[in-house]
Amino acid sequence: MFEVITARELADEVDADDEGYVLVDTRPEDSYESWHVPGAVNVPFGAAETLDDEQKARIDELADGRAIHTICGKGATSTSSAARARRRPASPRNSTRAVTTTSRS
């Protein structure tokens, strides 16, 4: 399973210079190039897709033992990719979190 965090929670981690995660932007390359969160890396992914072996390997290489946070414009592709990128065994350093723009009550 993966955890969902809000954009505000991600902003707090970015502001704290927390380096315990890699931020993967799942939007198409043109969207990423026009604007992205500082430090994010682009691994384009569609909501209906399955991560192929090359994408999984790239994400794992980028993570380099850190947690994975996925982000997109609305939360659709970030949650889909987080579900497919989650790693086992789960631990704080080996976790997967999806960032969504919706707030939690």
N, C-alpha and C. Protein backbone atom coordinates (compact mmCIF):
# COMPACT_ATOMS: atom_id res chain seq x y z
N MET A 1 0.84 -1.18 0.00
CA MET A 1 0.00 0.00 0.00
C MET A 1 0.88 1.24 0.00
N PHE A 2 0.31 2.34 -0.39
CA PHE A 2 1.03 3.61 -0.39
C PHE A 2 0.22 4.63 0.38
N GLU A 3 0.88 5.67 0.82
CA GLU A 3 0.25 6.74 1.58
C GLU A 3 -0.01 7.92 0.65
N VAL A 4 -1.10 8.64 0.89
CA VAL A 4 -1.41 9.86 0.14
C VAL A 4 -1.13 11.04 1.06
N ILE A 5 -0.38 12.01 0.55
CA ILE A 5 -0.12 13.24 1.30
C ILE A 5 -0.62 14.42 0.48
N THR A 6 -0.86 15.54 1.14
CA THR A 6 -1.35 16.73 0.46
C THR A 6 -0.17 17.54 -0.09
N ALA A 7 -0.50 18.45 -1.00
CA ALA A 7 0.52 19.34 -1.54
C ALA A 7 1.15 20.17 -0.42
N ARG A 8 0.36 20.54 0.58
CA ARG A 8 0.88 21.30 1.72
C ARG A 8 1.91 20.48 2.49
N GLU A 9 1.62 19.20 2.70
CA GLU A 9 2.57 18.34 3.40
C GLU A 9 3.88 18.20 2.61
N LEU A 10 3.76 18.10 1.29
CA LEU A 10 4.96 18.05 0.46
C LEU A 10 5.73 19.37 0.57
N ALA A 11 5.01 20.49 0.51
CA ALA A 11 5.66 21.80 0.61
C ALA A 11 6.43 21.92 1.92
N ASP A 12 5.86 21.40 3.00
CA ASP A 12 6.55 21.43 4.29
C ASP A 12 7.85 20.63 4.23
N GLU A 13 7.83 19.48 3.55
CA GLU A 13 9.05 18.67 3.41
C GLU A 13 10.07 19.38 2.53
N VAL A 14 9.60 20.00 1.44
CA VAL A 14 10.51 20.75 0.57
C VAL A 14 11.14 21.90 1.35
N ASP A 15 10.32 22.65 2.09
CA ASP A 15 10.82 23.78 2.88
C ASP A 15 11.82 23.34 3.94
N ALA A 16 11.66 22.14 4.46
CA ALA A 16 12.56 21.63 5.50
C ALA A 16 13.84 21.03 4.91
N ASP A 17 13.96 21.06 3.59
CA ASP A 17 15.11 20.47 2.90
C ASP A 17 15.28 18.99 3.26
N ASP A 18 14.16 18.30 3.41
CA ASP A 18 14.19 16.87 3.70
C ASP A 18 14.69 16.14 2.45
N GLU A 19 15.80 15.45 2.57
CA GLU A 19 16.36 14.74 1.43
C GLU A 19 16.11 13.24 1.51
N GLY A 20 15.15 12.84 2.32
CA GLY A 20 14.86 11.43 2.52
C GLY A 20 13.95 10.82 1.48
N TYR A 21 13.71 11.53 0.38
CA TYR A 21 12.83 11.02 -0.66
C TYR A 21 13.26 11.57 -2.02
N VAL A 22 12.79 10.91 -3.07
CA VAL A 22 12.91 11.42 -4.43
C VAL A 22 11.50 11.79 -4.88
N LEU A 23 11.35 12.94 -5.51
CA LEU A 23 10.06 13.41 -5.99
C LEU A 23 9.97 13.13 -7.48
N VAL A 24 9.04 12.24 -7.86
CA VAL A 24 8.86 11.83 -9.25
C VAL A 24 7.60 12.51 -9.80
N ASP A 25 7.79 13.37 -10.80
CA ASP A 25 6.69 14.07 -11.47
C ASP A 25 6.22 13.18 -12.62
N THR A 26 4.96 12.75 -12.57
CA THR A 26 4.46 11.78 -13.55
C THR A 26 3.75 12.42 -14.74
N ARG A 27 3.74 13.75 -14.79
CA ARG A 27 3.06 14.43 -15.90
C ARG A 27 3.84 14.26 -17.20
N PRO A 28 3.17 14.54 -18.34
CA PRO A 28 3.88 14.48 -19.62
C PRO A 28 5.07 15.44 -19.63
N GLU A 29 6.06 15.13 -20.44
CA GLU A 29 7.30 15.91 -20.46
C GLU A 29 7.06 17.39 -20.72
N ASP A 30 6.14 17.74 -21.62
CA ASP A 30 5.90 19.16 -21.91
C ASP A 30 5.34 19.90 -20.70
N SER A 31 4.48 19.26 -19.93
CA SER A 31 3.96 19.87 -18.70
C SER A 31 5.07 20.06 -17.68
N TYR A 32 5.91 19.05 -17.54
CA TYR A 32 7.04 19.12 -16.62
C TYR A 32 7.98 20.25 -17.02
N GLU A 33 8.29 20.34 -18.31
CA GLU A 33 9.22 21.36 -18.78
C GLU A 33 8.67 22.78 -18.56
N SER A 34 7.35 22.95 -18.64
CA SER A 34 6.78 24.28 -18.47
C SER A 34 6.81 24.73 -17.01
N TRP A 35 6.71 23.78 -16.07
CA TRP A 35 6.79 24.08 -14.64
C TRP A 35 6.84 22.78 -13.86
N HIS A 36 7.66 22.78 -12.82
CA HIS A 36 7.70 21.63 -11.91
C HIS A 36 8.25 22.06 -10.55
N VAL A 37 7.99 21.24 -9.56
CA VAL A 37 8.50 21.48 -8.22
C VAL A 37 10.02 21.35 -8.25
N PRO A 38 10.73 22.30 -7.67
CA PRO A 38 12.19 22.20 -7.65
C PRO A 38 12.64 20.84 -7.08
N GLY A 39 13.57 20.23 -7.79
CA GLY A 39 14.11 18.94 -7.36
C GLY A 39 13.37 17.73 -7.90
N ALA A 40 12.21 17.94 -8.51
CA ALA A 40 11.44 16.83 -9.06
C ALA A 40 12.11 16.31 -10.33
N VAL A 41 11.98 15.00 -10.55
CA VAL A 41 12.46 14.38 -11.78
C VAL A 41 11.26 13.85 -12.54
N ASN A 42 11.34 13.87 -13.84
CA ASN A 42 10.20 13.51 -14.67
C ASN A 42 10.29 12.06 -15.14
N VAL A 43 9.25 11.29 -14.79
CA VAL A 43 9.05 9.94 -15.33
C VAL A 43 7.59 9.92 -15.79
N PRO A 44 7.33 10.31 -17.06
CA PRO A 44 5.95 10.39 -17.54
C PRO A 44 5.21 9.07 -17.38
N PHE A 45 3.94 9.20 -17.00
CA PHE A 45 3.14 8.00 -16.73
C PHE A 45 1.67 8.36 -16.90
N GLY A 46 0.94 7.57 -17.66
CA GLY A 46 -0.50 7.77 -17.82
C GLY A 46 -1.27 6.95 -16.80
N ALA A 47 -2.43 7.46 -16.39
CA ALA A 47 -3.22 6.80 -15.33
C ALA A 47 -3.58 5.36 -15.67
N ALA A 48 -3.75 5.06 -16.94
CA ALA A 48 -4.15 3.71 -17.34
C ALA A 48 -2.95 2.81 -17.64
N GLU A 49 -1.76 3.34 -17.48
CA GLU A 49 -0.56 2.59 -17.81
C GLU A 49 -0.12 1.67 -16.69
N THR A 50 0.79 0.81 -17.04
CA THR A 50 1.51 -0.01 -16.07
C THR A 50 2.97 0.38 -16.18
N LEU A 51 3.64 0.54 -15.06
CA LEU A 51 5.06 0.86 -15.12
C LEU A 51 5.80 -0.30 -15.77
N ASP A 52 6.57 0.00 -16.79
CA ASP A 52 7.34 -1.07 -17.40
C ASP A 52 8.64 -1.25 -16.61
N ASP A 53 9.39 -2.27 -16.94
CA ASP A 53 10.61 -2.58 -16.19
C ASP A 53 11.60 -1.42 -16.24
N GLU A 54 11.68 -0.72 -17.38
CA GLU A 54 12.60 0.40 -17.51
C GLU A 54 12.19 1.55 -16.59
N GLN A 55 10.90 1.85 -16.52
CA GLN A 55 10.42 2.91 -15.64
C GLN A 55 10.67 2.55 -14.18
N LYS A 56 10.36 1.32 -13.80
CA LYS A 56 10.59 0.87 -12.42
C LYS A 56 12.07 0.97 -12.06
N ALA A 57 12.93 0.53 -12.97
CA ALA A 57 14.37 0.58 -12.72
C ALA A 57 14.84 2.03 -12.58
N ARG A 58 14.31 2.93 -13.42
CA ARG A 58 14.71 4.34 -13.34
C ARG A 58 14.28 4.95 -12.01
N ILE A 59 13.05 4.66 -11.58
CA ILE A 59 12.56 5.19 -10.31
C ILE A 59 13.40 4.65 -9.16
N ASP A 60 13.68 3.36 -9.16
CA ASP A 60 14.51 2.77 -8.10
C ASP A 60 15.91 3.38 -8.09
N GLU A 61 16.47 3.60 -9.28
CA GLU A 61 17.81 4.21 -9.37
C GLU A 61 17.78 5.64 -8.84
N LEU A 62 16.75 6.40 -9.21
CA LEU A 62 16.62 7.78 -8.73
C LEU A 62 16.42 7.81 -7.22
N ALA A 63 15.66 6.86 -6.69
CA ALA A 63 15.38 6.82 -5.26
C ALA A 63 16.65 6.51 -4.46
N ASP A 64 17.48 5.63 -4.99
CA ASP A 64 18.74 5.29 -4.35
C ASP A 64 18.55 5.02 -2.85
N GLY A 65 17.56 4.20 -2.54
CA GLY A 65 17.31 3.80 -1.15
C GLY A 65 16.42 4.75 -0.37
N ARG A 66 16.01 5.86 -1.00
CA ARG A 66 15.13 6.82 -0.32
C ARG A 66 13.68 6.49 -0.64
N ALA A 67 12.79 7.12 0.10
CA ALA A 67 11.36 6.98 -0.17
C ALA A 67 11.04 7.60 -1.53
N ILE A 68 9.93 7.17 -2.13
CA ILE A 68 9.47 7.70 -3.41
C ILE A 68 8.21 8.51 -3.16
N HIS A 69 8.19 9.77 -3.63
CA HIS A 69 6.98 10.59 -3.64
C HIS A 69 6.63 10.83 -5.10
N THR A 70 5.39 10.60 -5.48
CA THR A 70 4.96 10.86 -6.85
C THR A 70 4.03 12.06 -6.85
N ILE A 71 4.09 12.86 -7.91
CA ILE A 71 3.27 14.06 -8.02
C ILE A 71 2.82 14.25 -9.47
N CYS A 72 1.62 14.80 -9.62
CA CYS A 72 1.11 15.16 -10.95
C CYS A 72 0.21 16.38 -10.77
N GLY A 73 -0.58 16.70 -11.77
CA GLY A 73 -1.43 17.88 -11.70
C GLY A 73 -2.65 17.72 -10.81
N LYS A 74 -3.28 16.55 -10.84
CA LYS A 74 -4.54 16.36 -10.13
C LYS A 74 -4.55 15.17 -9.18
N GLY A 75 -3.54 14.35 -9.22
CA GLY A 75 -3.49 13.19 -8.34
C GLY A 75 -3.81 11.88 -9.01
N ALA A 76 -4.26 11.92 -10.27
CA ALA A 76 -4.65 10.68 -10.95
C ALA A 76 -3.43 9.83 -11.31
N THR A 77 -2.46 10.40 -12.00
CA THR A 77 -1.30 9.60 -12.38
C THR A 77 -0.33 9.39 -11.22
N SER A 78 -0.29 10.33 -10.29
CA SER A 78 0.62 10.13 -9.15
C SER A 78 0.16 8.96 -8.28
N THR A 79 -1.15 8.84 -8.07
CA THR A 79 -1.62 7.71 -7.25
C THR A 79 -1.48 6.40 -8.00
N SER A 80 -1.75 6.41 -9.31
CA SER A 80 -1.58 5.18 -10.10
C SER A 80 -0.14 4.72 -10.13
N SER A 81 0.78 5.66 -10.34
CA SER A 81 2.19 5.27 -10.38
C SER A 81 2.70 4.87 -8.99
N ALA A 82 2.21 5.53 -7.95
CA ALA A 82 2.61 5.16 -6.58
C ALA A 82 2.17 3.73 -6.27
N ALA A 83 0.98 3.38 -6.70
CA ALA A 83 0.48 2.02 -6.46
C ALA A 83 1.34 0.99 -7.17
N ARG A 84 1.85 1.35 -8.34
CA ARG A 84 2.66 0.41 -9.11
C ARG A 84 4.14 0.43 -8.71
N ALA A 85 4.59 1.55 -8.12
CA ALA A 85 6.01 1.68 -7.76
C ALA A 85 6.30 1.26 -6.34
N ARG A 86 5.26 0.99 -5.55
CA ARG A 86 5.50 0.68 -4.14
C ARG A 86 6.46 -0.50 -4.01
N ARG A 87 7.25 -0.43 -2.98
CA ARG A 87 8.30 -1.42 -2.79
C ARG A 87 8.09 -2.20 -1.51
N ARG A 88 8.60 -3.38 -1.48
CA ARG A 88 8.52 -4.21 -0.30
C ARG A 88 9.93 -4.60 0.11
N PRO A 89 10.25 -4.76 1.35
CA PRO A 89 9.35 -4.52 2.47
C PRO A 89 9.17 -3.03 2.72
N ALA A 90 8.02 -2.65 3.20
CA ALA A 90 7.73 -1.25 3.48
C ALA A 90 8.44 -0.82 4.76
N SER A 91 9.05 0.34 4.70
CA SER A 91 9.69 0.97 5.84
C SER A 91 9.74 2.45 5.55
N PRO A 92 10.03 3.31 6.52
CA PRO A 92 10.09 4.75 6.23
C PRO A 92 11.02 5.10 5.06
N ARG A 93 12.15 4.44 4.96
CA ARG A 93 13.08 4.72 3.86
C ARG A 93 12.67 4.03 2.58
N ASN A 94 11.79 3.08 2.66
CA ASN A 94 11.40 2.29 1.51
C ASN A 94 9.91 2.46 1.23
N SER A 95 9.39 3.65 1.51
CA SER A 95 7.96 3.89 1.35
C SER A 95 7.65 4.59 0.04
N THR A 96 6.38 4.58 -0.33
CA THR A 96 5.91 5.26 -1.52
C THR A 96 4.72 6.11 -1.11
N ARG A 97 4.75 7.40 -1.51
CA ARG A 97 3.68 8.33 -1.17
C ARG A 97 3.24 9.06 -2.44
N ALA A 98 1.94 9.26 -2.58
CA ALA A 98 1.40 10.03 -3.69
C ALA A 98 0.96 11.38 -3.18
N VAL A 99 1.31 12.43 -3.88
CA VAL A 99 0.91 13.79 -3.51
C VAL A 99 -0.35 14.13 -4.28
N THR A 100 -1.35 14.64 -3.58
CA THR A 100 -2.60 15.03 -4.22
C THR A 100 -2.93 16.47 -3.88
N THR A 101 -3.67 17.12 -4.75
CA THR A 101 -4.03 18.52 -4.52
C THR A 101 -5.26 18.65 -3.63
N THR A 102 -5.92 17.55 -3.35
CA THR A 102 -7.09 17.62 -2.49
C THR A 102 -6.66 17.59 -1.03
N SER A 103 -7.41 18.26 -0.18
CA SER A 103 -7.07 18.28 1.24
C SER A 103 -7.74 17.12 1.95
N ARG A 104 -7.15 16.75 3.08
CA ARG A 104 -7.74 15.69 3.90
C ARG A 104 -8.53 16.33 5.02
N SER A 105 -9.65 15.74 5.37
CA SER A 105 -10.48 16.26 6.46
C SER A 105 -10.02 15.71 7.79
